[in-house]
């Protein structure tokens, strides 16, 4: 019974410390916000850069495909104009 009480007490103390940030007790995935409140970081900065990089890569691939398609269309039209 005493062991359960000690375990619950330790768990409770850890929970309380995680929500109190006056002395920098927030976890690694949290930051201090408001009055002595720890808020969870939802999105890290590198997610934004990864998203921007992904969008740029997709745009470049689309431009490449469009250019290749237009070049192929020109070749087909030139081929149709040649006499057999």
Protein backbone atom coordinates (compact mmCIF):
# COMPACT_ATOMS: atom_id res chain seq x y z
CA UNK A 1 0.00 0.00 0.00
CA UNK A 2 2.80 2.40 0.88
CA UNK A 3 4.63 1.49 -2.34
CA UNK A 4 1.55 2.38 -4.40
CA UNK A 5 1.28 5.70 -2.58
CA UNK A 6 4.94 6.52 -3.27
CA UNK A 7 4.58 5.62 -6.96
CA UNK A 8 1.44 7.75 -7.28
CA UNK A 9 3.12 10.61 -5.44
CA UNK A 10 6.16 10.49 -7.74
CA UNK A 11 3.93 10.34 -10.80
CA UNK A 12 1.87 13.29 -9.54
CA UNK A 13 4.97 15.36 -8.79
CA UNK A 14 6.27 14.70 -12.30
CA UNK A 15 2.96 15.80 -13.80
CA UNK A 16 2.91 18.97 -11.75
CA UNK A 17 6.49 19.83 -12.69
CA UNK A 18 5.71 19.35 -16.37
CA UNK A 19 2.98 22.01 -16.22
CA UNK A 20 4.99 24.61 -14.30
CA UNK A 21 7.64 26.56 -16.20
CA UNK A 22 8.80 29.37 -13.92
CA UNK A 23 12.13 27.67 -13.35
CA UNK A 24 12.44 26.14 -16.82
CA UNK A 25 10.90 22.78 -15.98
CA UNK A 26 9.12 22.30 -19.30
CA UNK A 27 9.96 19.19 -21.27
CA UNK A 28 12.02 19.15 -24.47
CA UNK A 29 8.89 19.09 -26.61
CA UNK A 30 7.34 22.03 -24.72
CA UNK A 31 7.91 25.75 -24.31
CA UNK A 32 6.93 28.28 -21.66
CA UNK A 33 3.78 30.21 -22.58
CA UNK A 34 1.41 32.36 -20.59
CA UNK A 35 1.80 32.55 -16.84
CA UNK A 36 3.79 29.55 -15.63
CA UNK A 37 2.26 27.30 -18.25
CA UNK A 38 3.99 24.79 -20.51
CA UNK A 39 2.62 24.52 -24.04
CA UNK A 40 3.42 21.66 -26.38
CA UNK A 41 5.31 22.47 -29.56
CA UNK A 42 3.03 21.38 -32.37
CA UNK A 43 5.22 21.98 -35.40
CA UNK A 44 8.97 22.39 -35.50
CA UNK A 45 10.51 24.93 -37.86
CA UNK A 46 12.10 22.32 -40.13
CA UNK A 47 8.63 21.05 -41.10
CA UNK A 48 7.98 24.38 -42.81
CA UNK A 49 11.27 24.25 -44.72
CA UNK A 50 10.63 20.63 -45.70
CA UNK A 51 7.19 21.62 -46.99
CA UNK A 52 8.59 24.52 -49.00
CA UNK A 53 11.32 22.30 -50.45
CA UNK A 54 8.74 19.67 -51.41
CA UNK A 55 6.58 22.28 -53.15
CA UNK A 56 9.60 23.62 -55.09
CA UNK A 57 10.55 20.09 -56.18
CA UNK A 58 6.99 19.39 -57.36
CA UNK A 59 6.89 22.66 -59.32
CA UNK A 60 10.24 21.89 -60.96
CA UNK A 61 9.05 18.39 -61.91
CA UNK A 62 5.85 19.80 -63.41
CA UNK A 63 7.82 22.37 -65.41
CA UNK A 64 10.18 19.66 -66.67
CA UNK A 65 7.27 17.44 -67.73
CA UNK A 66 5.52 20.34 -69.45
CA UNK A 67 8.69 21.30 -71.34
CA UNK A 68 9.34 17.70 -72.37
CA UNK A 69 5.74 17.29 -73.53
CA UNK A 70 5.82 20.47 -75.60
CA UNK A 71 9.15 19.40 -77.15
CA UNK A 72 7.64 15.99 -78.00
CA UNK A 73 4.61 17.70 -79.58
CA UNK A 74 6.89 19.84 -81.74
CA UNK A 75 8.80 16.76 -82.91
CA UNK A 76 5.56 14.99 -83.80
CA UNK A 77 4.33 17.97 -85.79
CA UNK A 78 7.65 18.21 -87.63
CA UNK A 79 7.49 14.49 -88.41
CA UNK A 80 3.99 14.84 -89.86
CA UNK A 81 5.17 17.62 -92.17
CA UNK A 82 7.97 15.55 -93.69
CA UNK A 83 7.09 13.80 -96.95
CA UNK A 84 7.36 10.04 -97.00
